[in-house]
Protein backbone atom coordinates (compact mmCIF):
# COMPACT_ATOMS: atom_id res chain seq x y z
CA MET A 1 91.56 49.27 6.94
CA THR A 2 94.84 49.64 8.81
CA ILE A 3 94.28 50.46 12.48
CA PRO A 4 95.36 52.87 13.82
CA LEU A 5 94.94 55.17 10.82
CA LYS A 6 96.25 58.73 10.78
CA ILE A 7 93.96 61.07 8.84
CA SER A 8 93.97 64.81 8.13
CA ALA A 9 90.51 66.29 7.50
CA ALA A 10 89.67 69.79 6.26
CA ASP A 11 86.48 71.85 6.36
CA LEU A 12 86.51 74.83 4.00
CA GLY A 13 83.82 76.99 5.53
CA THR A 14 82.42 80.31 4.38
CA ASN A 15 84.15 82.15 7.26
CA THR A 16 86.81 79.78 8.54
CA LEU A 17 89.10 77.08 7.19
CA LYS A 18 89.57 74.27 9.71
CA VAL A 19 91.81 71.19 9.75
CA THR A 20 92.02 68.30 12.20
CA HIS A 21 94.83 65.75 12.22
CA ALA A 22 93.68 62.66 14.13
CA THR A 23 94.42 59.00 14.77
CA ARG A 24 91.45 56.72 14.23
CA LEU A 25 91.23 53.62 16.40
CA ARG A 26 88.73 50.76 16.34
CA GLN A 27 85.02 51.65 16.71
CA ALA A 28 85.93 54.99 15.09
CA GLU A 29 87.41 56.32 18.32
CA LEU A 30 89.68 59.34 17.73
CA THR A 31 92.81 60.24 19.64
CA ASP A 32 95.93 62.48 19.49
CA MET A 33 94.06 65.24 17.68
CA ILE A 34 95.68 68.45 16.44
CA HIS A 35 93.43 71.31 15.28
CA ALA A 36 94.19 74.38 13.18
CA SER A 37 92.06 77.16 11.70
CA ASP A 38 92.29 80.41 9.75
CA THR A 39 89.56 83.00 9.26
CA VAL A 40 90.00 83.53 5.51
CA ARG A 41 86.33 84.37 4.85
CA LEU A 42 86.04 82.74 1.44
CA GLY A 43 82.46 84.00 1.33
CA PHE A 44 83.26 87.69 1.89
CA GLY A 45 81.14 89.77 -0.49
CA ILE A 46 79.94 86.70 -2.35
CA GLU A 47 76.28 87.75 -2.26
CA GLN A 48 77.17 90.89 -4.22
CA THR A 49 79.71 89.48 -6.69
CA GLY A 50 78.90 85.77 -6.85
CA ARG A 51 82.63 85.03 -6.75
CA ILE A 52 85.43 84.28 -4.29
CA GLU A 53 88.11 86.98 -4.28
CA GLN A 54 91.54 86.05 -5.68
CA SER A 55 93.34 87.02 -2.47
CA ARG A 56 91.14 84.58 -0.54
CA PHE A 57 91.90 81.87 -3.12
CA ASP A 58 95.58 82.35 -2.39
CA ALA A 59 95.10 82.43 1.39
CA CYS A 60 93.12 79.18 1.23
CA LEU A 61 95.82 77.44 -0.78
CA ASP A 62 98.57 78.72 1.53
CA PHE A 63 96.72 77.36 4.56
CA LEU A 64 96.17 73.95 2.96
CA VAL A 65 99.82 73.68 1.88
CA GLN A 66 100.91 74.50 5.44
CA GLN A 67 98.52 71.98 6.94
CA GLU A 68 99.57 69.29 4.47
CA ALA A 69 103.11 69.70 5.81
CA VAL A 70 101.81 69.46 9.39
CA GLY A 71 99.85 66.34 8.48
CA ARG A 72 102.83 64.63 6.86
CA LYS A 73 104.93 65.32 9.95
CA TYR A 74 102.07 63.92 12.05
CA GLY A 75 102.08 60.79 9.91
CA SER A 76 98.83 61.19 7.98
CA THR A 77 98.38 59.03 4.91
CA VAL A 78 94.95 60.45 4.04
CA PHE A 79 94.13 64.09 3.26
CA THR A 80 90.38 64.45 2.90
CA GLY A 81 87.98 67.34 3.21
CA VAL A 82 84.79 69.14 2.32
CA ALA A 83 83.80 72.58 1.13
CA THR A 84 80.48 74.10 2.10
CA GLU A 85 78.24 77.06 1.26
CA ALA A 86 80.79 79.49 -0.21
CA LEU A 87 81.96 76.99 -2.82
CA ARG A 88 78.41 75.75 -3.37
CA ILE A 89 77.28 79.18 -4.55
CA ALA A 90 80.47 80.75 -5.98
CA ALA A 91 80.75 80.92 -9.76
CA ASN A 92 84.48 80.19 -9.41
CA GLY A 93 84.20 77.53 -6.70
CA GLU A 94 85.20 74.72 -9.07
CA GLU A 95 88.26 76.71 -10.10
CA LEU A 96 89.45 76.78 -6.50
CA LEU A 97 88.90 73.03 -6.20
CA GLU A 98 90.93 72.42 -9.36
CA ARG A 99 93.84 74.41 -7.94
CA ILE A 100 93.65 72.56 -4.61
CA HIS A 101 93.74 69.20 -6.37
CA ALA A 102 96.57 70.28 -8.69
CA GLU A 103 98.79 71.92 -6.06
CA THR A 104 98.17 69.85 -2.90
CA ALA A 105 97.41 66.32 -1.74
CA TRP A 106 94.00 67.36 -0.35
CA GLN A 107 90.96 65.63 -1.84
CA ILE A 108 88.19 68.15 -1.27
CA ASP A 109 84.56 67.70 -2.29
CA ILE A 110 81.83 70.33 -2.40
CA ILE A 111 79.01 68.85 -0.33
CA SER A 112 75.30 69.54 -0.04
CA GLY A 113 73.71 71.10 3.00
CA ASP A 114 72.11 67.77 3.90
CA ARG A 115 75.50 66.06 3.79
CA GLU A 116 76.95 68.83 5.96
CA ALA A 117 74.22 68.31 8.56
CA HIS A 118 74.79 64.54 8.50
CA LEU A 119 78.54 64.90 9.11
CA THR A 120 77.86 67.35 11.95
CA TYR A 121 75.64 64.77 13.65
CA LEU A 122 78.04 61.89 13.01
CA GLY A 123 80.86 63.82 14.62
CA LEU A 124 78.88 64.83 17.71
CA GLN A 125 76.36 62.05 18.30
CA ASP A 126 78.33 60.68 21.26
CA GLN A 127 77.93 64.06 23.02
CA VAL A 128 74.14 64.24 22.75
CA PRO A 129 72.71 64.32 26.31
CA ALA A 130 70.69 61.24 27.16
CA GLY A 131 66.99 61.69 27.94
CA ASP A 132 66.53 65.21 26.53
CA ASP A 133 65.27 66.39 23.16
CA CYS A 134 68.24 68.18 21.65
CA ALA A 135 69.21 70.22 18.59
CA ILE A 136 72.73 70.28 17.19
CA VAL A 137 73.18 73.61 15.43
CA ASP A 138 76.32 74.51 13.47
CA ILE A 139 76.27 78.22 12.60
CA GLY A 140 78.49 78.70 9.58
CA GLY A 141 79.29 81.76 7.56
CA GLY A 142 76.89 80.94 4.75
CA SER A 143 74.47 78.38 6.16
CA THR A 144 73.31 76.88 9.45
CA GLU A 145 73.03 73.13 9.84
CA VAL A 146 70.29 71.87 12.17
CA VAL A 147 69.86 68.32 13.46
CA VAL A 148 67.06 67.56 15.94
CA ILE A 149 67.26 64.41 18.09
CA ARG A 150 64.23 63.16 20.00
CA ASN A 151 64.38 60.02 22.14
CA GLY A 152 67.66 59.12 20.50
CA ASP A 153 66.30 59.41 16.93
CA VAL A 154 67.05 62.09 14.35
CA THR A 155 63.71 63.72 13.48
CA LEU A 156 64.95 66.72 11.49
CA GLN A 157 68.08 67.31 9.44
CA ALA A 158 68.26 70.58 7.51
CA SER A 159 70.66 73.12 6.08
CA VAL A 160 69.18 76.60 6.46
CA PRO A 161 70.57 79.27 4.06
CA VAL A 162 71.43 81.80 6.74
CA GLY A 163 74.88 82.32 8.24
CA SER A 164 76.98 84.82 10.16
CA GLY A 165 79.00 86.01 7.16
CA ARG A 166 75.91 86.62 5.08
CA LEU A 167 74.14 88.47 7.89
CA ALA A 168 77.19 90.57 8.73
CA ASP A 169 77.73 91.57 5.10
CA ARG A 170 74.04 92.41 4.75
CA TYR A 171 73.32 94.30 7.97
CA PHE A 172 76.58 95.42 9.60
CA SER A 173 78.25 98.55 8.26
CA ASP A 174 79.87 99.78 11.47
CA ASP A 175 82.05 98.42 14.26
CA PRO A 176 80.30 97.94 16.64
CA PRO A 177 77.23 97.12 14.53
CA GLY A 178 74.73 98.75 16.90
CA LYS A 179 71.54 97.44 18.49
CA ASP A 180 69.32 98.17 15.49
CA ALA A 181 71.57 96.22 13.12
CA GLU A 182 71.76 93.31 15.56
CA LEU A 183 67.96 93.22 15.84
CA MET A 184 67.65 93.21 12.05
CA ALA A 185 70.06 90.28 11.90
CA ILE A 186 68.04 88.39 14.53
CA ASP A 187 64.80 89.04 12.64
CA ALA A 188 66.33 87.82 9.37
CA ALA A 189 67.69 84.68 11.03
CA ARG A 190 64.32 84.00 12.68
CA ASP A 191 62.52 84.34 9.34
CA SER A 192 64.93 81.93 7.63
CA LEU A 193 64.74 79.37 10.40
CA SER A 194 60.96 79.44 10.74
CA ALA A 195 60.58 78.63 7.05
CA TRP A 196 62.57 75.41 7.54
CA VAL A 197 61.58 74.23 11.00
CA ALA A 198 57.96 75.35 11.22
CA GLY A 199 55.77 73.05 13.26
CA GLN A 200 58.58 71.63 15.39
CA SER A 201 57.72 71.06 19.03
CA PRO A 202 60.05 72.62 21.64
CA VAL A 203 63.59 71.36 22.04
CA LYS A 204 64.99 71.75 25.55
CA PHE A 205 68.72 71.87 24.81
CA VAL A 206 70.79 73.30 21.93
CA MET A 207 74.35 72.23 21.17
CA LEU A 208 75.98 75.14 19.32
CA ALA A 209 78.67 73.36 17.32
CA GLY A 210 81.89 74.96 16.16
CA GLY A 211 84.02 77.95 17.00
CA SER A 212 81.11 80.38 17.29
CA GLY A 213 79.48 78.31 20.03
CA LEU A 214 82.75 77.92 21.92
CA PHE A 215 83.37 81.68 21.67
CA MET A 216 79.88 82.29 23.12
CA ASN A 217 80.78 80.02 26.05
CA GLN A 218 83.91 82.04 26.77
CA LEU A 219 82.25 85.42 26.53
CA ILE A 220 79.22 84.47 28.60
CA GLU A 221 81.50 83.12 31.34
CA GLN A 222 83.61 86.30 31.21
CA LEU A 223 80.47 88.40 31.55
CA GLY A 224 79.71 86.63 34.83
CA ASN A 225 77.37 83.79 33.88
CA GLY A 226 77.77 80.03 33.99
CA LEU A 227 77.27 77.21 31.52
CA PRO A 228 75.00 76.07 30.05
CA PHE A 229 73.31 79.40 29.35
CA GLY A 230 69.73 80.41 28.72
CA PRO A 231 67.95 82.89 26.41
CA THR A 232 68.48 85.77 28.84
CA GLU A 233 72.25 85.33 28.98
CA LEU A 234 72.42 84.93 25.20
CA GLY A 235 70.33 88.07 24.71
CA ASP A 236 72.64 89.99 27.02
CA LEU A 237 75.60 88.78 24.95
CA ALA A 238 73.89 89.95 21.75
CA THR A 239 73.45 93.43 23.27
CA HIS A 240 77.05 93.46 24.50
CA LEU A 241 78.51 92.57 21.09
CA ALA A 242 76.25 95.07 19.34
CA THR A 243 77.66 97.89 21.42
CA VAL A 244 81.41 97.18 21.87
CA HIS A 245 84.17 97.38 19.28
CA SER A 246 85.43 94.11 17.88
CA SER A 247 88.80 94.79 19.50
CA ASP A 248 87.15 94.21 22.89
CA THR A 249 86.24 90.65 21.82
CA VAL A 250 89.75 90.10 20.43
CA ASP A 251 91.25 91.17 23.76
CA ARG A 252 88.83 89.08 25.82
CA ILE A 253 89.15 85.72 24.07
CA GLY A 254 92.07 86.09 21.65
CA ILE A 255 90.34 85.42 18.34
CA PRO A 256 91.20 87.04 14.97
CA GLN A 257 89.49 90.37 14.39
CA ALA A 258 87.90 89.03 11.19
CA ARG A 259 86.13 86.43 13.33
CA ALA A 260 85.21 88.97 16.02
CA LEU A 261 83.53 91.17 13.40
CA VAL A 262 81.06 88.43 12.41
CA LEU A 263 80.51 86.99 15.90
CA PRO A 264 77.55 89.32 16.64
CA ALA A 265 75.85 87.78 13.60
CA SER A 266 76.55 84.26 14.91
CA VAL A 267 74.91 85.26 18.19
CA ALA A 268 71.95 86.66 16.23
CA VAL A 269 71.44 83.21 14.67
CA ALA A 270 71.78 81.53 18.08
CA VAL A 271 69.15 83.86 19.57
CA ALA A 272 66.81 83.05 16.70
CA VAL A 273 67.46 79.30 17.13
CA MET A 274 66.59 79.35 20.83
CA GLU A 275 63.45 81.39 20.15
CA THR A 276 62.35 79.18 17.25
CA PHE A 277 62.78 75.94 19.21
CA GLY A 278 61.61 77.34 22.55
CA SER A 279 64.88 76.15 24.09
CA ARG A 280 65.76 76.77 27.73
CA GLN A 281 69.47 75.94 27.63
CA ALA A 282 72.37 76.03 25.16
CA GLN A 283 76.10 75.45 25.20
CA GLY A 284 78.91 75.59 22.67
CA VAL A 285 80.61 72.33 21.65
CA PRO A 286 83.41 71.59 19.15
CA SER A 287 82.63 71.34 15.46
CA GLY A 288 81.53 67.91 14.28
CA ILE A 289 82.13 67.95 10.51
CA ARG A 290 85.78 66.91 10.54
CA MET A 291 85.15 64.32 13.24
CA GLY A 292 82.34 62.90 11.11
CA LEU A 293 84.60 62.74 8.05
CA ILE A 294 87.30 60.86 9.92
CA ARG A 295 84.87 58.46 11.59
CA GLU A 296 83.20 57.42 8.35
CA TYR A 297 86.36 57.22 6.23
CA GLN A 298 86.78 53.96 4.35
CA THR A 299 89.87 52.91 2.41
């Protein structure tokens, strides 16, 4: 493999499309990274129709064409990526892949939940705190990937079929969603998680990977609390988001309104995660999937 190697990696998530352009050095060290994202919500309404809407097809392709141009200017010679829950369950997911492969240089594969969890861990393993049992939790739009590390060893790796997009589409009909809707989302997330992680002993610390976790960091700090945060601070955030219009979140942290609308559901999953694992502390960290892809890439 030529070192350094410039790689562009994409993650086609149920809520958000993400791309990282990075230079890979020896020992899989990454440098000079450029990140981009777009909240296309490929999974919007998919539980009702079983299909990805045509307008979201087109938005996905537009984003990938734009990011291919960015990558070529950056110097990338590899355009790799993965698609997750939305394309796993959509009846027309393969059709979108065929268009991507025909119209762009991106080589995108639909991956399993287990593979998604593995890439999340591979991308973030160097950030796992030494000496503490820890869970890496990536809350996506359609699924939540959970990796538990105890004494430096992975003891659980699971993809739980609950995500912020699914919960928002199922339980939120108003903006703001309201306390009752938020509680229903928390209950649903707790039920889904308990079915997959039953019998796990407590995990002290939770790394909330991806944009949702980073947004929680920002909002909790704005609301007057420090990092890392505990269950009380996260519960207060859940109440806050259940009772303020999404435009308040947009104004506070500058995210797209489409992302602000589903953020209360992401927090609902995070609340359920901390309860299920009996965790005392949590903090948002960057997404690991694209980092994992780049680190493991072989020519």
